[in-house]
Amino acid sequence: MVTAQGLTRFAGPTKSGPLALNADDTLLAVVNPDVNTVTLFDVSADRNLPLGEFAVGQEPNGVVVSPDGKFVYVANTVDGTVSVLQVDQTQQPVANVVATLQVGTEPYGIALTPNGQKAYVTNARSNSVSVIDTASNSVVTTITNVGPSVGAEPRGIAITNNGNESDTDETVYITHFYSFANQGKLDGEDDSKTGWSPRSARKATR
């Protein structure tokens, strides 16, 4: 069984993806978009033991685990929600959905700040980023117009980790699914389009 190691901060930067680990690399969460579930594994000491499969929203695509492994956050693309699961490995089942948060349209990416105090969610069709306060499990800010135009579809997200104890001076980076036309270029040419990413979408103070 996974045991908490008391780590409350990730050692490096964080990013979005369909699978995620906690800070001490003992708990793994994997989304299953085709069946609307997330599966948890005990991966401490290379055990790789499944802890259970848990229902979330429709078509989950992104997942993060809090540094201490007590919470899992899942971005559900079709529902436009984030499922919050509380993990307690002394109980059966080991996890339960304790909150469902409404975010933007078609959320894909989700990433935590190094201390896990905020979760940033990219809403592809809303061209926005929702900011979740993980202490209250509530959406505290929606950052709009994160792309150069409507239809940018922000999906990927990464957050820096400068190593200090604060989450308020990190930088959030966003990438977009679609590239954009370069002026003076014919559509179809090799260099007719360019990918675009906000270099510093917002400081992680929001």
C-alpha atoms as a PDB file:
ATOM      1  CA  MET A   1       0.000   0.000   0.000  1.00  0.00           C
ATOM      2  CA  VAL A   2       1.198   3.509  -0.790  1.00  0.00           C
ATOM      3  CA  THR A   3       2.239   5.474   2.282  1.00  0.00           C
ATOM      4  CA  ALA A   4       2.340   9.260   2.444  1.00  0.00           C
ATOM      5  CA  GLN A   5       5.859  10.646   2.545  1.00  0.00           C
ATOM      6  CA  GLY A   6       4.846  14.129   3.623  1.00  0.00           C
ATOM      7  CA  LEU A   7       6.104  15.864   0.472  1.00  0.00           C
ATOM      8  CA  THR A   8       4.122  19.021  -0.104  1.00  0.00           C
ATOM      9  CA  ARG A   9       5.951  20.389  -3.152  1.00  0.00           C
ATOM     10  CA  PHE A  10       6.971  19.022  -6.522  1.00  0.00           C
ATOM     11  CA  ALA A  11      10.715  18.991  -7.144  1.00  0.00           C
ATOM     12  CA  GLY A  12      10.486  20.284 -10.718  1.00  0.00           C
ATOM     13  CA  PRO A  13       8.109  22.045 -13.102  1.00  0.00           C
ATOM     14  CA  THR A  14       4.642  20.628 -13.699  1.00  0.00           C
ATOM     15  CA  LYS A  15       2.692  20.055 -16.908  1.00  0.00           C
ATOM     16  CA  SER A  16      -0.500  18.616 -18.286  1.00  0.00           C
ATOM     17  CA  GLY A  17      -0.913  15.067 -19.521  1.00  0.00           C
ATOM     18  CA  PRO A  18      -3.105  11.939 -19.477  1.00  0.00           C
ATOM     19  CA  LEU A  19      -1.149  10.471 -16.558  1.00  0.00           C
ATOM     20  CA  ALA A  20       0.414  12.013 -13.462  1.00  0.00           C
ATOM     21  CA  LEU A  21       2.378  11.200 -10.298  1.00  0.00           C
ATOM     22  CA  ASN A  22       2.433  12.710  -6.836  1.00  0.00           C
ATOM     23  CA  ALA A  23       5.604  14.357  -5.498  1.00  0.00           C
ATOM     24  CA  ASP A  24       7.233  11.226  -4.099  1.00  0.00           C
ATOM     25  CA  ASP A  25       6.396   9.082  -7.165  1.00  0.00           C
ATOM     26  CA  THR A  26       4.283   6.563  -5.249  1.00  0.00           C
ATOM     27  CA  LEU A  27       0.804   7.229  -6.660  1.00  0.00           C
ATOM     28  CA  LEU A  28       0.015   7.193 -10.391  1.00  0.00           C
ATOM     29  CA  ALA A  29      -3.250   8.405 -11.935  1.00  0.00           C
ATOM     30  CA  VAL A  30      -4.230   7.576 -15.540  1.00  0.00           C
ATOM     31  CA  VAL A  31      -7.292   8.851 -17.416  1.00  0.00           C
ATOM     32  CA  ASN A  32      -9.384   6.518 -19.561  1.00  0.00           C
ATOM     33  CA  PRO A  33     -11.264   8.785 -22.023  1.00  0.00           C
ATOM     34  CA  ASP A  34     -13.217   6.039 -23.766  1.00  0.00           C
ATOM     35  CA  VAL A  35     -14.833   4.786 -20.543  1.00  0.00           C
ATOM     36  CA  ASN A  36     -14.997   8.022 -18.507  1.00  0.00           C
ATOM     37  CA  THR A  37     -12.831   6.836 -15.635  1.00  0.00           C
ATOM     38  CA  VAL A  38      -9.487   7.395 -13.933  1.00  0.00           C
ATOM     39  CA  THR A  39      -7.347   4.511 -12.665  1.00  0.00           C
ATOM     40  CA  LEU A  40      -5.008   4.780  -9.675  1.00  0.00           C
ATOM     41  CA  PHE A  41      -1.889   2.679  -9.157  1.00  0.00           C
ATOM     42  CA  ASP A  42       0.505   2.074  -6.277  1.00  0.00           C
ATOM     43  CA  VAL A  43       3.867   2.468  -8.021  1.00  0.00           C
ATOM     44  CA  SER A  44       6.079   2.703  -4.930  1.00  0.00           C
ATOM     45  CA  ALA A  45       9.041   0.305  -4.971  1.00  0.00           C
ATOM     46  CA  ASP A  46       8.028  -0.697  -8.523  1.00  0.00           C
ATOM     47  CA  ARG A  47       4.927  -2.487  -7.243  1.00  0.00           C
ATOM     48  CA  ASN A  48       2.670  -1.193 -10.059  1.00  0.00           C
ATOM     49  CA  LEU A  49      -0.474  -2.409  -8.305  1.00  0.00           C
ATOM     50  CA  PRO A  50      -3.900  -1.126  -9.414  1.00  0.00           C
ATOM     51  CA  LEU A  51      -5.824   0.551  -6.595  1.00  0.00           C
ATOM     52  CA  GLY A  52      -9.081   0.930  -8.475  1.00  0.00           C
ATOM     53  CA  GLU A  53     -10.910   2.533 -11.376  1.00  0.00           C
ATOM     54  CA  PHE A  54     -13.180   5.467 -10.595  1.00  0.00           C
ATOM     55  CA  ALA A  55     -15.948   7.122 -12.594  1.00  0.00           C
ATOM     56  CA  VAL A  56     -15.446  10.799 -13.489  1.00  0.00           C
ATOM     57  CA  GLY A  57     -16.972  13.057 -16.171  1.00  0.00           C
ATOM     58  CA  GLN A  58     -17.260  12.404 -19.876  1.00  0.00           C
ATOM     59  CA  GLU A  59     -14.051  12.004 -21.897  1.00  0.00           C
ATOM     60  CA  PRO A  60     -11.368  12.818 -19.310  1.00  0.00           C
ATOM     61  CA  ASN A  61      -8.177  13.983 -21.011  1.00  0.00           C
ATOM     62  CA  GLY A  62      -6.015  15.595 -18.343  1.00  0.00           C
ATOM     63  CA  VAL A  63      -5.118  14.617 -14.787  1.00  0.00           C
ATOM     64  CA  VAL A  64      -2.930  15.844 -11.934  1.00  0.00           C
ATOM     65  CA  VAL A  65      -2.183  14.490  -8.462  1.00  0.00           C
ATOM     66  CA  SER A  66      -1.563  16.779  -5.494  1.00  0.00           C
ATOM     67  CA  PRO A  67       2.017  16.697  -4.161  1.00  0.00           C
ATOM     68  CA  ASP A  68       0.968  14.736  -1.057  1.00  0.00           C
ATOM     69  CA  GLY A  69      -1.160  12.308  -3.087  1.00  0.00           C
ATOM     70  CA  LYS A  70      -4.381  13.127  -1.234  1.00  0.00           C
ATOM     71  CA  PHE A  71      -6.277  14.613  -4.172  1.00  0.00           C
ATOM     72  CA  VAL A  72      -6.620  13.903  -7.894  1.00  0.00           C
ATOM     73  CA  TYR A  73      -7.976  16.484 -10.352  1.00  0.00           C
ATOM     74  CA  VAL A  74      -9.381  15.328 -13.705  1.00  0.00           C
ATOM     75  CA  ALA A  75     -10.306  17.561 -16.684  1.00  0.00           C
ATOM     76  CA  ASN A  76     -13.425  16.189 -18.411  1.00  0.00           C
ATOM     77  CA  THR A  77     -13.540  17.474 -21.990  1.00  0.00           C
ATOM     78  CA  VAL A  78     -17.138  16.724 -22.984  1.00  0.00           C
ATOM     79  CA  ASP A  79     -18.671  17.791 -19.648  1.00  0.00           C
ATOM     80  CA  GLY A  80     -16.682  21.009 -19.278  1.00  0.00           C
ATOM     81  CA  THR A  81     -15.878  20.044 -15.710  1.00  0.00           C
ATOM     82  CA  VAL A  82     -13.059  19.067 -13.368  1.00  0.00           C
ATOM     83  CA  SER A  83     -13.643  16.073 -11.083  1.00  0.00           C
ATOM     84  CA  VAL A  84     -11.926  16.263  -7.689  1.00  0.00           C
ATOM     85  CA  LEU A  85     -11.174  12.898  -6.072  1.00  0.00           C
ATOM     86  CA  GLN A  86     -10.057  12.548  -2.470  1.00  0.00           C
ATOM     87  CA  VAL A  87      -7.678   9.642  -1.928  1.00  0.00           C
ATOM     88  CA  ASP A  88      -7.557   7.699   1.357  1.00  0.00           C
ATOM     89  CA  GLN A  89      -5.761   4.399   1.034  1.00  0.00           C
ATOM     90  CA  THR A  90      -6.961   3.146   4.412  1.00  0.00           C
ATOM     91  CA  GLN A  91     -10.517   3.015   3.034  1.00  0.00           C
ATOM     92  CA  GLN A  92     -12.334   1.023   0.380  1.00  0.00           C
ATOM     93  CA  PRO A  93     -12.761   2.340  -2.191  1.00  0.00           C
ATOM     94  CA  VAL A  94      -9.511   4.276  -1.900  1.00  0.00           C
ATOM     95  CA  ALA A  95     -10.885   7.320  -3.744  1.00  0.00           C
ATOM     96  CA  ASN A  96     -14.179   9.175  -4.092  1.00  0.00           C
ATOM     97  CA  VAL A  97     -15.316  12.176  -6.100  1.00  0.00           C
ATOM     98  CA  VAL A  98     -15.815  14.975  -3.563  1.00  0.00           C
ATOM     99  CA  ALA A  99     -16.442  17.871  -5.968  1.00  0.00           C
ATOM    100  CA  THR A 100     -17.288  18.543  -9.611  1.00  0.00           C
ATOM    101  CA  LEU A 101     -16.255  22.007 -10.768  1.00  0.00           C
ATOM    102  CA  GLN A 102     -17.688  23.749 -13.823  1.00  0.00           C
ATOM    103  CA  VAL A 103     -14.926  25.260 -15.971  1.00  0.00           C
ATOM    104  CA  GLY A 104     -14.891  26.330 -19.649  1.00  0.00           C
ATOM    105  CA  THR A 105     -15.868  24.500 -22.813  1.00  0.00           C
ATOM    106  CA  GLU A 106     -13.794  21.420 -23.674  1.00  0.00           C
ATOM    107  CA  PRO A 107     -11.087  21.455 -20.983  1.00  0.00           C
ATOM    108  CA  TYR A 108      -8.033  19.432 -21.995  1.00  0.00           C
ATOM    109  CA  GLY A 109      -4.927  20.339 -20.026  1.00  0.00           C
ATOM    110  CA  ILE A 110      -4.592  20.736 -16.284  1.00  0.00           C
ATOM    111  CA  ALA A 111      -1.464  21.514 -14.250  1.00  0.00           C
ATOM    112  CA  LEU A 112      -0.732  22.281 -10.609  1.00  0.00           C
ATOM    113  CA  THR A 113       1.552  24.945  -9.219  1.00  0.00           C
ATOM    114  CA  PRO A 114       4.567  23.433  -7.387  1.00  0.00           C
ATOM    115  CA  ASN A 115       2.901  23.534  -3.963  1.00  0.00           C
ATOM    116  CA  GLY A 116      -0.387  22.326  -5.398  1.00  0.00           C
ATOM    117  CA  GLN A 117      -2.183  25.457  -4.243  1.00  0.00           C
ATOM    118  CA  LYS A 118      -3.653  26.281  -7.658  1.00  0.00           C
ATOM    119  CA  ALA A 119      -4.723  24.178 -10.631  1.00  0.00           C
ATOM    120  CA  TYR A 120      -4.759  25.783 -14.102  1.00  0.00           C
ATOM    121  CA  VAL A 121      -7.138  24.307 -16.697  1.00  0.00           C
ATOM    122  CA  THR A 122      -7.003  25.033 -20.449  1.00  0.00           C
ATOM    123  CA  ASN A 123     -10.472  25.348 -21.998  1.00  0.00           C
ATOM    124  CA  ALA A 124      -9.975  24.705 -25.707  1.00  0.00           C
ATOM    125  CA  ARG A 125     -13.283  25.965 -27.101  1.00  0.00           C
ATOM    126  CA  SER A 126     -13.614  28.851 -24.651  1.00  0.00           C
ATOM    127  CA  ASN A 127     -10.108  30.152 -25.454  1.00  0.00           C
ATOM    128  CA  SER A 128      -9.628  30.557 -21.707  1.00  0.00           C
ATOM    129  CA  VAL A 129      -7.888  29.188 -18.619  1.00  0.00           C
ATOM    130  CA  SER A 130      -9.722  28.423 -15.382  1.00  0.00           C
ATOM    131  CA  VAL A 131      -7.809  28.798 -12.104  1.00  0.00           C
ATOM    132  CA  ILE A 132      -8.864  26.518  -9.260  1.00  0.00           C
ATOM    133  CA  ASP A 133      -8.056  27.168  -5.601  1.00  0.00           C
ATOM    134  CA  THR A 134      -7.359  23.650  -4.330  1.00  0.00           C
ATOM    135  CA  ALA A 135      -7.927  24.593  -0.669  1.00  0.00           C
ATOM    136  CA  SER A 136     -11.570  25.490  -1.328  1.00  0.00           C
ATOM    137  CA  ASN A 137     -12.028  23.440  -4.530  1.00  0.00           C
ATOM    138  CA  SER A 138     -13.502  26.437  -6.311  1.00  0.00           C
ATOM    139  CA  VAL A 139     -12.811  28.308  -9.541  1.00  0.00           C
ATOM    140  CA  VAL A 140     -11.401  31.664  -8.442  1.00  0.00           C
ATOM    141  CA  THR A 141     -10.376  33.187 -11.791  1.00  0.00           C
ATOM    142  CA  THR A 142     -11.048  32.712 -15.490  1.00  0.00           C
ATOM    143  CA  ILE A 143      -8.330  34.106 -17.768  1.00  0.00           C
ATOM    144  CA  THR A 144      -9.902  34.960 -21.121  1.00  0.00           C
ATOM    145  CA  ASN A 145      -8.472  35.491 -24.612  1.00  0.00           C
ATOM    146  CA  VAL A 146      -5.338  33.427 -24.068  1.00  0.00           C
ATOM    147  CA  GLY A 147      -4.792  33.039 -27.814  1.00  0.00           C
ATOM    148  CA  PRO A 148      -4.248  35.537 -30.622  1.00  0.00           C
ATOM    149  CA  SER A 149      -7.723  34.807 -32.004  1.00  0.00           C
ATOM    150  CA  VAL A 150     -10.861  32.782 -31.443  1.00  0.00           C
ATOM    151  CA  GLY A 151     -10.246  29.168 -32.355  1.00  0.00           C
ATOM    152  CA  ALA A 152      -6.731  28.946 -30.948  1.00  0.00           C
ATOM    153  CA  GLU A 153      -7.797  25.998 -28.780  1.00  0.00           C
ATOM    154  CA  PRO A 154      -5.402  26.210 -25.817  1.00  0.00           C
ATOM    155  CA  ARG A 155      -4.629  22.672 -24.678  1.00  0.00           C
ATOM    156  CA  GLY A 156      -1.085  22.129 -23.377  1.00  0.00           C
ATOM    157  CA  ILE A 157       0.040  23.806 -20.162  1.00  0.00           C
ATOM    158  CA  ALA A 158       3.212  23.871 -18.054  1.00  0.00           C
ATOM    159  CA  ILE A 159       4.177  25.762 -14.887  1.00  0.00           C
ATOM    160  CA  THR A 160       7.679  26.703 -13.770  1.00  0.00           C
ATOM    161  CA  ASN A 161       9.254  25.802 -10.426  1.00  0.00           C
ATOM    162  CA  ASN A 162      11.932  28.207  -9.205  1.00  0.00           C
ATOM    163  CA  GLY A 163      12.536  26.206  -6.029  1.00  0.00           C
ATOM    164  CA  ASN A 164      11.421  28.664  -3.386  1.00  0.00           C
ATOM    165  CA  GLU A 165       8.521  28.076  -1.009  1.00  0.00           C
ATOM    166  CA  SER A 166       6.082  30.383  -2.776  1.00  0.00           C
ATOM    167  CA  ASP A 167       3.752  29.630  -5.684  1.00  0.00           C
ATOM    168  CA  THR A 168       3.107  33.299  -6.410  1.00  0.00           C
ATOM    169  CA  ASP A 169       6.131  33.918  -8.626  1.00  0.00           C
ATOM    170  CA  GLU A 170       5.877  31.015 -11.061  1.00  0.00           C
ATOM    171  CA  THR A 171       5.040  31.402 -14.758  1.00  0.00           C
ATOM    172  CA  VAL A 172       2.310  29.546 -16.637  1.00  0.00           C
ATOM    173  CA  TYR A 173       2.906  28.599 -20.301  1.00  0.00           C
ATOM    174  CA  ILE A 174       0.111  27.658 -22.688  1.00  0.00           C
ATOM    175  CA  THR A 175       0.271  26.046 -26.128  1.00  0.00           C
ATOM    176  CA  HIS A 176      -2.450  25.942 -28.755  1.00  0.00           C
ATOM    177  CA  PHE A 177      -3.721  23.114 -30.889  1.00  0.00           C
ATOM    178  CA  TYR A 178      -3.908  25.143 -34.087  1.00  0.00           C
ATOM    179  CA  SER A 179      -1.235  27.180 -35.840  1.00  0.00           C
ATOM    180  CA  PHE A 180      -1.850  30.572 -37.439  1.00  0.00           C
ATOM    181  CA  ALA A 181      -1.342  32.003 -40.908  1.00  0.00           C
ATOM    182  CA  ASN A 182       1.773  34.074 -41.577  1.00  0.00           C
ATOM    183  CA  GLN A 183       1.130  37.282 -43.447  1.00  0.00           C
ATOM    184  CA  GLY A 184       2.477  37.304 -46.969  1.00  0.00           C
ATOM    185  CA  LYS A 185       2.546  33.508 -47.236  1.00  0.00           C
ATOM    186  CA  LEU A 186       0.333  31.332 -49.408  1.00  0.00           C
ATOM    187  CA  ASP A 187      -1.737  28.736 -47.619  1.00  0.00           C
ATOM    188  CA  GLY A 188      -0.134  25.332 -48.140  1.00  0.00           C
ATOM    189  CA  GLU A 189       3.473  26.518 -48.229  1.00  0.00           C
ATOM    190  CA  ASP A 190       5.828  24.883 -45.750  1.00  0.00           C
ATOM    191  CA  ASP A 191       6.158  28.092 -43.736  1.00  0.00           C
ATOM    192  CA  SER A 192       2.642  29.453 -44.244  1.00  0.00           C
ATOM    193  CA  LYS A 193       1.675  28.897 -40.621  1.00  0.00           C
ATOM    194  CA  THR A 194       3.317  29.246 -37.211  1.00  0.00           C
ATOM    195  CA  GLY A 195       2.501  27.717 -33.847  1.00  0.00           C
ATOM    196  CA  TRP A 196       1.850  30.271 -31.127  1.00  0.00           C
ATOM    197  CA  SER A 197       2.333  30.066 -27.384  1.00  0.00           C
ATOM    198  CA  PRO A 198       1.872  32.815 -24.807  1.00  0.00           C
ATOM    199  CA  ARG A 199       5.351  33.056 -23.273  1.00  0.00           C
ATOM    200  CA  SER A 200       4.083  34.057 -19.866  1.00  0.00           C
ATOM    201  CA  ALA A 201       0.359  33.534 -19.924  1.00  0.00           C
ATOM    202  CA  ARG A 202      -0.028  34.835 -16.381  1.00  0.00           C
ATOM    203  CA  LYS A 203       2.007  34.803 -13.225  1.00  0.00           C
ATOM    204  CA  ALA A 204       0.673  32.152 -10.869  1.00  0.00           C
ATOM    205  CA  THR A 205      -0.627  34.752  -8.449  1.00  0.00           C
ATOM    206  CA  ARG A 206      -4.218  34.595  -9.574  1.00  0.00           C
END
